[in-house]
Each structure stands twice: as C-alpha cells, then as structure tokens.
Amino acid sequence: MNPAEHLARLQSLNQTAAFNRWCGLEVVSVEEGRATIAMPWREEFGQYAGFAHAGIVGGFIDTACGYAATTVSGPVLASHYAINCVRPAVGRRFIARARVVKAGRSQVFTACEMFGETDKGEVLVATGEVLLVPVAANAA
C-alpha cells in the first residue's frame, strides 16, 4: 500500500473511534512503519495543575504507535505500553510521531515522541514504547 492509501485508510479508521473523535485526533501523515498524529489542546484534558493528564498522554502515544504498527501488520491491539513524561504536557496542539522498531509475526515493537506546540516551537513532552499484537481483521 502506498502512503496516500495508508493515510486515507487510517483517517477513515480514526473517525470510527469515539475517543479519537472526542480528543480531536487527526492523522497527519503516514508511511510504512511510521505515523504522525495531532491533537488540539482541550480544557477537558487538564488535570489540577493545568497541563494534559498522563492518561491523555498515554492514549495519544498508544494511538500513534498503533497506527504506525497497522501500516506493517494490519489490525493490532496493544498488549503493553509505557510512557515517560519528560515535562508538563502543555501546548496549543500536540503532535505524536511514532515508528515501528521491529515487526514480527506475533508482536510489533514501536516507539513514539510527543511534542507540544508552543510559541517557542515544538517542545518534547513525552516518549513512549508500545508493544502491539496483530489480530484478525474481524477481531479488531
């Protein structure tokens, strides 16, 4: 599948997930083994100190990695993920860039960096790794 086909497929898939629609997630670019997504800041993401809650950060990174994995393995489900919050997640918009590290028959290892867009440009706010498992198309 070429990048334009991957992009169209993932943009369509993205609209089927209520969480992604609620967050305002947008699939920005896709190529084999890579995906970039974006999400505008929403007041509902904030925790008591005014920056994005780690649960939102984790969901955003999980989604980006899942999309990257899908380009090489078809439908996938996360079996484990870990995030590292580098600094408070603030910005008018967030961007996650994910890539496949290693794709096997039964597991896909991915990595991601999440940035906040600020007046000073992009600032790294989190990193993450997601282990995904390919699933049958009708099981996903």
N, C-alpha and C. Protein backbone atom coordinates (compact mmCIF):
# COMPACT_ATOMS: atom_id res chain seq x y z
N MET A 1 0.85 -1.17 0.00
CA MET A 1 0.00 0.00 0.00
C MET A 1 0.90 1.24 0.00
N ASN A 2 0.56 2.22 -0.80
CA ASN A 2 1.37 3.44 -0.84
C ASN A 2 0.97 4.38 0.30
N PRO A 3 1.79 5.42 0.59
CA PRO A 3 1.50 6.32 1.71
C PRO A 3 0.12 6.97 1.64
N ALA A 4 -0.32 7.37 0.46
CA ALA A 4 -1.63 8.01 0.33
C ALA A 4 -2.75 7.04 0.70
N GLU A 5 -2.60 5.78 0.31
CA GLU A 5 -3.61 4.77 0.67
C GLU A 5 -3.62 4.49 2.17
N HIS A 6 -2.41 4.38 2.77
CA HIS A 6 -2.32 4.21 4.23
C HIS A 6 -2.99 5.39 4.93
N LEU A 7 -2.69 6.60 4.47
CA LEU A 7 -3.24 7.81 5.10
C LEU A 7 -4.76 7.81 5.03
N ALA A 8 -5.32 7.56 3.85
CA ALA A 8 -6.77 7.56 3.69
C ALA A 8 -7.42 6.49 4.57
N ARG A 9 -6.81 5.30 4.63
CA ARG A 9 -7.35 4.21 5.43
C ARG A 9 -7.34 4.56 6.91
N LEU A 10 -6.22 5.13 7.39
CA LEU A 10 -6.13 5.46 8.82
C LEU A 10 -6.98 6.67 9.18
N GLN A 11 -7.13 7.63 8.28
CA GLN A 11 -8.02 8.75 8.54
C GLN A 11 -9.45 8.26 8.69
N SER A 12 -9.85 7.32 7.84
CA SER A 12 -11.18 6.74 7.93
C SER A 12 -11.34 5.95 9.23
N LEU A 13 -10.37 5.11 9.54
CA LEU A 13 -10.38 4.32 10.78
C LEU A 13 -10.45 5.24 12.00
N ASN A 14 -9.70 6.32 11.98
CA ASN A 14 -9.65 7.26 13.09
C ASN A 14 -11.04 7.79 13.44
N GLN A 15 -11.86 8.01 12.42
CA GLN A 15 -13.20 8.56 12.65
C GLN A 15 -14.16 7.54 13.26
N THR A 16 -13.80 6.27 13.28
CA THR A 16 -14.68 5.25 13.86
C THR A 16 -14.51 5.12 15.37
N ALA A 17 -13.47 5.73 15.94
CA ALA A 17 -13.19 5.61 17.37
C ALA A 17 -13.72 6.84 18.12
N ALA A 18 -14.67 6.62 19.01
CA ALA A 18 -15.28 7.72 19.76
C ALA A 18 -14.23 8.50 20.56
N PHE A 19 -13.29 7.82 21.18
CA PHE A 19 -12.24 8.50 21.95
C PHE A 19 -11.45 9.45 21.05
N ASN A 20 -11.07 8.98 19.87
CA ASN A 20 -10.29 9.80 18.95
C ASN A 20 -11.08 11.03 18.51
N ARG A 21 -12.37 10.84 18.23
CA ARG A 21 -13.20 11.98 17.83
C ARG A 21 -13.33 12.97 18.98
N TRP A 22 -13.54 12.48 20.21
CA TRP A 22 -13.67 13.34 21.37
C TRP A 22 -12.39 14.16 21.59
N CYS A 23 -11.24 13.50 21.40
CA CYS A 23 -9.95 14.19 21.57
C CYS A 23 -9.65 15.15 20.42
N GLY A 24 -10.30 14.96 19.30
CA GLY A 24 -9.98 15.77 18.12
C GLY A 24 -8.74 15.28 17.40
N LEU A 25 -8.42 13.97 17.53
CA LEU A 25 -7.22 13.42 16.90
C LEU A 25 -7.31 13.52 15.38
N GLU A 26 -6.19 13.86 14.78
CA GLU A 26 -6.09 13.96 13.33
C GLU A 26 -4.88 13.14 12.87
N VAL A 27 -5.07 12.31 11.87
CA VAL A 27 -3.95 11.58 11.27
C VAL A 27 -3.30 12.53 10.27
N VAL A 28 -2.07 12.94 10.54
CA VAL A 28 -1.38 13.96 9.75
C VAL A 28 -0.62 13.35 8.58
N SER A 29 0.17 12.32 8.87
CA SER A 29 0.95 11.68 7.81
C SER A 29 1.22 10.23 8.18
N VAL A 30 1.37 9.44 7.14
CA VAL A 30 1.59 8.00 7.33
C VAL A 30 2.51 7.52 6.21
N GLU A 31 3.43 6.67 6.56
CA GLU A 31 4.21 5.91 5.58
C GLU A 31 4.46 4.56 6.22
N GLU A 32 4.97 3.63 5.47
CA GLU A 32 5.15 2.30 6.03
C GLU A 32 6.03 2.35 7.27
N GLY A 33 5.47 1.88 8.38
CA GLY A 33 6.21 1.83 9.64
C GLY A 33 6.24 3.13 10.41
N ARG A 34 5.51 4.15 9.96
CA ARG A 34 5.52 5.46 10.63
C ARG A 34 4.14 6.11 10.57
N ALA A 35 3.84 6.85 11.63
CA ALA A 35 2.59 7.62 11.65
C ALA A 35 2.79 8.87 12.50
N THR A 36 2.20 9.95 12.05
CA THR A 36 2.19 11.20 12.81
C THR A 36 0.74 11.61 13.00
N ILE A 37 0.39 11.88 14.26
CA ILE A 37 -0.96 12.36 14.56
C ILE A 37 -0.88 13.66 15.33
N ALA A 38 -1.97 14.41 15.33
CA ALA A 38 -2.03 15.68 16.04
C ALA A 38 -3.34 15.77 16.82
N MET A 39 -3.32 16.63 17.85
CA MET A 39 -4.49 16.79 18.70
C MET A 39 -4.45 18.20 19.29
N PRO A 40 -5.52 18.97 19.14
CA PRO A 40 -5.55 20.30 19.75
C PRO A 40 -5.72 20.21 21.27
N TRP A 41 -5.21 21.21 21.98
CA TRP A 41 -5.43 21.28 23.42
C TRP A 41 -6.91 21.46 23.68
N ARG A 42 -7.41 20.78 24.69
CA ARG A 42 -8.78 20.96 25.16
C ARG A 42 -8.73 21.11 26.67
N GLU A 43 -9.53 21.99 27.19
CA GLU A 43 -9.57 22.21 28.64
C GLU A 43 -9.87 20.91 29.39
N GLU A 44 -10.65 20.03 28.79
CA GLU A 44 -11.01 18.76 29.44
C GLU A 44 -9.81 17.83 29.62
N PHE A 45 -8.72 18.07 28.94
CA PHE A 45 -7.51 17.25 29.10
C PHE A 45 -6.76 17.58 30.37
N GLY A 46 -7.01 18.76 30.92
CA GLY A 46 -6.20 19.27 32.02
C GLY A 46 -6.47 18.56 33.33
N GLN A 47 -5.40 18.41 34.07
CA GLN A 47 -5.53 17.94 35.43
C GLN A 47 -5.39 19.15 36.34
N TYR A 48 -5.27 18.97 37.62
CA TYR A 48 -5.33 20.07 38.58
C TYR A 48 -4.28 21.16 38.36
N ALA A 49 -3.14 20.86 37.75
CA ALA A 49 -2.09 21.86 37.56
C ALA A 49 -2.17 22.55 36.18
N GLY A 50 -3.14 22.14 35.35
CA GLY A 50 -3.36 22.85 34.10
C GLY A 50 -2.65 22.30 32.87
N PHE A 51 -2.04 21.12 32.98
CA PHE A 51 -1.46 20.51 31.78
C PHE A 51 -2.12 19.16 31.54
N ALA A 52 -1.87 18.59 30.36
CA ALA A 52 -2.57 17.37 29.98
C ALA A 52 -2.30 16.22 30.95
N HIS A 53 -3.35 15.54 31.32
CA HIS A 53 -3.28 14.40 32.22
C HIS A 53 -2.47 13.28 31.56
N ALA A 54 -1.72 12.53 32.35
CA ALA A 54 -0.90 11.43 31.83
C ALA A 54 -1.74 10.39 31.10
N GLY A 55 -3.00 10.23 31.48
CA GLY A 55 -3.87 9.29 30.78
C GLY A 55 -4.12 9.71 29.34
N ILE A 56 -4.27 11.01 29.12
CA ILE A 56 -4.43 11.54 27.75
C ILE A 56 -3.12 11.35 26.99
N VAL A 57 -2.01 11.65 27.64
CA VAL A 57 -0.69 11.46 27.01
C VAL A 57 -0.51 10.00 26.60
N GLY A 58 -0.83 9.08 27.49
CA GLY A 58 -0.69 7.65 27.19
C GLY A 58 -1.59 7.21 26.05
N GLY A 59 -2.83 7.67 26.05
CA GLY A 59 -3.75 7.32 24.97
C GLY A 59 -3.31 7.86 23.63
N PHE A 60 -2.75 9.05 23.64
CA PHE A 60 -2.26 9.69 22.41
C PHE A 60 -1.07 8.91 21.84
N ILE A 61 -0.13 8.56 22.71
CA ILE A 61 1.04 7.79 22.28
C ILE A 61 0.62 6.39 21.81
N ASP A 62 -0.28 5.75 22.54
CA ASP A 62 -0.77 4.42 22.16
C ASP A 62 -1.41 4.47 20.77
N THR A 63 -2.19 5.49 20.50
CA THR A 63 -2.85 5.60 19.20
C THR A 63 -1.84 5.79 18.08
N ALA A 64 -0.88 6.67 18.27
CA ALA A 64 0.14 6.91 17.24
C ALA A 64 0.91 5.63 16.94
N CYS A 65 1.31 4.91 17.99
CA CYS A 65 2.06 3.67 17.78
C CYS A 65 1.19 2.60 17.11
N GLY A 66 -0.07 2.54 17.49
CA GLY A 66 -0.97 1.59 16.84
C GLY A 66 -1.11 1.86 15.36
N TYR A 67 -1.19 3.13 14.99
CA TYR A 67 -1.30 3.48 13.57
C TYR A 67 -0.01 3.12 12.82
N ALA A 68 1.14 3.38 13.43
CA ALA A 68 2.41 3.01 12.78
C ALA A 68 2.47 1.50 12.58
N ALA A 69 2.08 0.74 13.60
CA ALA A 69 2.11 -0.73 13.51
C ALA A 69 1.14 -1.25 12.47
N THR A 70 -0.01 -0.62 12.36
CA THR A 70 -1.03 -1.05 11.40
C THR A 70 -0.50 -1.00 9.96
N THR A 71 0.40 -0.08 9.69
CA THR A 71 0.92 0.04 8.31
C THR A 71 1.77 -1.16 7.90
N VAL A 72 2.28 -1.91 8.86
CA VAL A 72 3.11 -3.07 8.52
C VAL A 72 2.47 -4.40 8.89
N SER A 73 1.50 -4.38 9.81
CA SER A 73 0.94 -5.64 10.32
C SER A 73 -0.57 -5.76 10.22
N GLY A 74 -1.24 -4.77 9.70
CA GLY A 74 -2.69 -4.81 9.69
C GLY A 74 -3.23 -4.49 11.08
N PRO A 75 -4.47 -4.89 11.37
CA PRO A 75 -5.08 -4.55 12.67
C PRO A 75 -4.23 -5.07 13.84
N VAL A 76 -4.12 -4.24 14.88
CA VAL A 76 -3.33 -4.58 16.06
C VAL A 76 -4.06 -4.15 17.32
N LEU A 77 -3.66 -4.76 18.42
CA LEU A 77 -4.11 -4.35 19.75
C LEU A 77 -2.88 -4.20 20.63
N ALA A 78 -2.91 -3.21 21.51
CA ALA A 78 -1.80 -3.01 22.44
C ALA A 78 -1.82 -4.10 23.50
N SER A 79 -0.65 -4.65 23.79
CA SER A 79 -0.56 -5.61 24.89
C SER A 79 0.23 -5.02 26.07
N HIS A 80 1.01 -3.99 25.80
CA HIS A 80 1.75 -3.32 26.87
C HIS A 80 2.21 -1.96 26.36
N TYR A 81 2.16 -0.96 27.24
CA TYR A 81 2.77 0.31 26.86
C TYR A 81 3.34 1.00 28.08
N ALA A 82 4.32 1.85 27.81
CA ALA A 82 4.96 2.63 28.86
C ALA A 82 5.20 4.03 28.33
N ILE A 83 4.98 5.01 29.19
CA ILE A 83 5.25 6.39 28.79
C ILE A 83 6.23 7.01 29.77
N ASN A 84 6.98 7.96 29.27
CA ASN A 84 7.91 8.74 30.07
C ASN A 84 7.51 10.19 29.91
N CYS A 85 7.02 10.79 30.97
CA CYS A 85 6.63 12.20 30.92
C CYS A 85 7.89 13.04 31.17
N VAL A 86 8.36 13.67 30.11
CA VAL A 86 9.62 14.42 30.15
C VAL A 86 9.44 15.79 30.81
N ARG A 87 8.30 16.42 30.55
CA ARG A 87 7.97 17.72 31.14
C ARG A 87 6.46 17.86 31.08
N PRO A 88 5.90 18.85 31.78
CA PRO A 88 4.44 19.01 31.71
C PRO A 88 3.96 19.13 30.27
N ALA A 89 2.88 18.43 29.96
CA ALA A 89 2.33 18.42 28.61
C ALA A 89 1.46 19.66 28.41
N VAL A 90 2.09 20.70 27.88
CA VAL A 90 1.39 21.94 27.57
C VAL A 90 1.64 22.30 26.12
N GLY A 91 0.71 23.00 25.55
CA GLY A 91 0.82 23.46 24.18
C GLY A 91 -0.56 23.73 23.62
N ARG A 92 -0.61 24.47 22.55
CA ARG A 92 -1.91 24.73 21.90
C ARG A 92 -2.34 23.52 21.08
N ARG A 93 -1.36 22.68 20.77
CA ARG A 93 -1.61 21.47 19.99
C ARG A 93 -0.50 20.48 20.33
N PHE A 94 -0.81 19.20 20.20
CA PHE A 94 0.17 18.15 20.45
C PHE A 94 0.39 17.35 19.18
N ILE A 95 1.61 16.87 19.01
CA ILE A 95 1.97 16.05 17.86
C ILE A 95 2.68 14.80 18.39
N ALA A 96 2.32 13.65 17.85
CA ALA A 96 2.99 12.40 18.20
C ALA A 96 3.54 11.78 16.93
N ARG A 97 4.82 11.44 16.96
CA ARG A 97 5.48 10.79 15.83
C ARG A 97 5.92 9.40 16.27
N ALA A 98 5.31 8.39 15.66
CA ALA A 98 5.57 7.00 16.05
C ALA A 98 6.23 6.24 14.92
N ARG A 99 7.00 5.23 15.31
CA ARG A 99 7.66 4.39 14.30
C ARG A 99 7.72 2.96 14.80
N VAL A 100 7.74 2.05 13.85
CA VAL A 100 7.92 0.64 14.17
C VAL A 100 9.41 0.39 14.38
N VAL A 101 9.75 -0.19 15.50
CA VAL A 101 11.13 -0.55 15.80
C VAL A 101 11.43 -1.93 15.23
N LYS A 102 10.51 -2.88 15.44
CA LYS A 102 10.67 -4.26 14.95
C LYS A 102 9.29 -4.87 14.83
N ALA A 103 9.00 -5.41 13.67
CA ALA A 103 7.72 -6.08 13.44
C ALA A 103 7.97 -7.57 13.23
N GLY A 104 7.34 -8.37 14.06
CA GLY A 104 7.40 -9.82 13.90
C GLY A 104 6.01 -10.35 13.61
N ARG A 105 5.90 -11.65 13.53
CA ARG A 105 4.58 -12.25 13.25
C ARG A 105 3.61 -12.10 14.42
N SER A 106 4.14 -12.16 15.64
CA SER A 106 3.24 -12.14 16.79
C SER A 106 3.34 -10.87 17.64
N GLN A 107 4.33 -10.03 17.40
CA GLN A 107 4.49 -8.80 18.17
C GLN A 107 5.07 -7.70 17.29
N VAL A 108 4.66 -6.48 17.57
CA VAL A 108 5.21 -5.31 16.89
C VAL A 108 5.68 -4.33 17.96
N PHE A 109 6.97 -4.02 17.94
CA PHE A 109 7.55 -3.08 18.89
C PHE A 109 7.58 -1.70 18.25
N THR A 110 7.08 -0.69 18.98
CA THR A 110 7.02 0.67 18.44
C THR A 110 7.58 1.66 19.46
N ALA A 111 7.91 2.84 18.98
CA ALA A 111 8.40 3.92 19.83
C ALA A 111 7.78 5.22 19.34
N CYS A 112 7.66 6.19 20.25
CA CYS A 112 6.98 7.43 19.91
C CYS A 112 7.58 8.60 20.70
N GLU A 113 7.53 9.76 20.08
CA GLU A 113 7.85 11.01 20.77
C GLU A 113 6.64 11.93 20.62
N MET A 114 6.28 12.58 21.72
CA MET A 114 5.15 13.50 21.74
C MET A 114 5.65 14.90 22.03
N PHE A 115 5.17 15.85 21.24
CA PHE A 115 5.60 17.24 21.35
C PHE A 115 4.40 18.14 21.61
N GLY A 116 4.64 19.22 22.34
CA GLY A 116 3.65 20.27 22.48
C GLY A 116 4.07 21.43 21.59
N GLU A 117 3.12 21.98 20.84
CA GLU A 117 3.41 23.17 20.02
C GLU A 117 3.19 24.40 20.89
N THR A 118 4.24 25.19 21.03
CA THR A 118 4.19 26.41 21.84
C THR A 118 4.68 27.58 21.00
N ASP A 119 4.70 28.76 21.60
CA ASP A 119 5.23 29.94 20.91
C ASP A 119 6.71 29.79 20.59
N LYS A 120 7.40 28.89 21.29
CA LYS A 120 8.83 28.63 21.07
C LYS A 120 9.06 27.47 20.11
N GLY A 121 8.00 26.96 19.48
CA GLY A 121 8.12 25.82 18.58
C GLY A 121 7.70 24.54 19.27
N GLU A 122 8.16 23.42 18.74
CA GLU A 122 7.82 22.12 19.32
C GLU A 122 8.71 21.83 20.51
N VAL A 123 8.09 21.36 21.59
CA VAL A 123 8.81 21.01 22.81
C VAL A 123 8.47 19.56 23.15
N LEU A 124 9.49 18.73 23.34
CA LEU A 124 9.28 17.33 23.70
C LEU A 124 8.63 17.27 25.08
N VAL A 125 7.47 16.58 25.17
CA VAL A 125 6.79 16.45 26.46
C VAL A 125 6.76 15.00 26.96
N ALA A 126 6.85 14.03 26.05
CA ALA A 126 6.79 12.63 26.48
C ALA A 126 7.37 11.72 25.41
N THR A 127 7.79 10.56 25.85
CA THR A 127 8.19 9.49 24.95
C THR A 127 7.45 8.23 25.39
N GLY A 128 7.40 7.26 24.51
CA GLY A 128 6.72 6.03 24.89
C GLY A 128 7.09 4.88 24.00
N GLU A 129 6.81 3.70 24.49
CA GLU A 129 7.00 2.46 23.75
C GLU A 129 5.72 1.65 23.89
N VAL A 130 5.27 1.08 22.78
CA VAL A 130 4.07 0.26 22.81
C VAL A 130 4.37 -1.06 22.12
N LEU A 131 3.98 -2.15 22.77
CA LEU A 131 4.08 -3.48 22.21
C LEU A 131 2.68 -3.85 21.74
N LEU A 132 2.55 -4.19 20.46
CA LEU A 132 1.25 -4.49 19.87
C LEU A 132 1.21 -5.90 19.33
N VAL A 133 0.01 -6.45 19.26
CA VAL A 133 -0.20 -7.81 18.78
C VAL A 133 -1.13 -7.76 17.58
N PRO A 134 -0.68 -8.31 16.44
CA PRO A 134 -1.58 -8.37 15.28
C PRO A 134 -2.80 -9.24 15.59
N VAL A 135 -3.96 -8.80 15.10
CA VAL A 135 -5.20 -9.54 15.31
C VAL A 135 -5.92 -9.71 13.97
N ALA A 136 -6.80 -10.67 13.90
CA ALA A 136 -7.59 -10.87 12.69
C ALA A 136 -8.44 -9.62 12.44
N ALA A 137 -8.64 -9.26 11.18
CA ALA A 137 -9.36 -8.05 10.82
C ALA A 137 -10.74 -7.97 11.47
N ASN A 138 -11.42 -9.08 11.59
CA ASN A 138 -12.77 -9.05 12.18
C ASN A 138 -12.75 -9.06 13.69
N ALA A 139 -11.57 -9.26 14.32
CA ALA A 139 -11.48 -9.27 15.78
C ALA A 139 -11.13 -7.91 16.33
N ALA A 140 -10.66 -7.00 15.47
CA ALA A 140 -10.19 -5.70 15.95
C ALA A 140 -11.31 -4.75 16.24
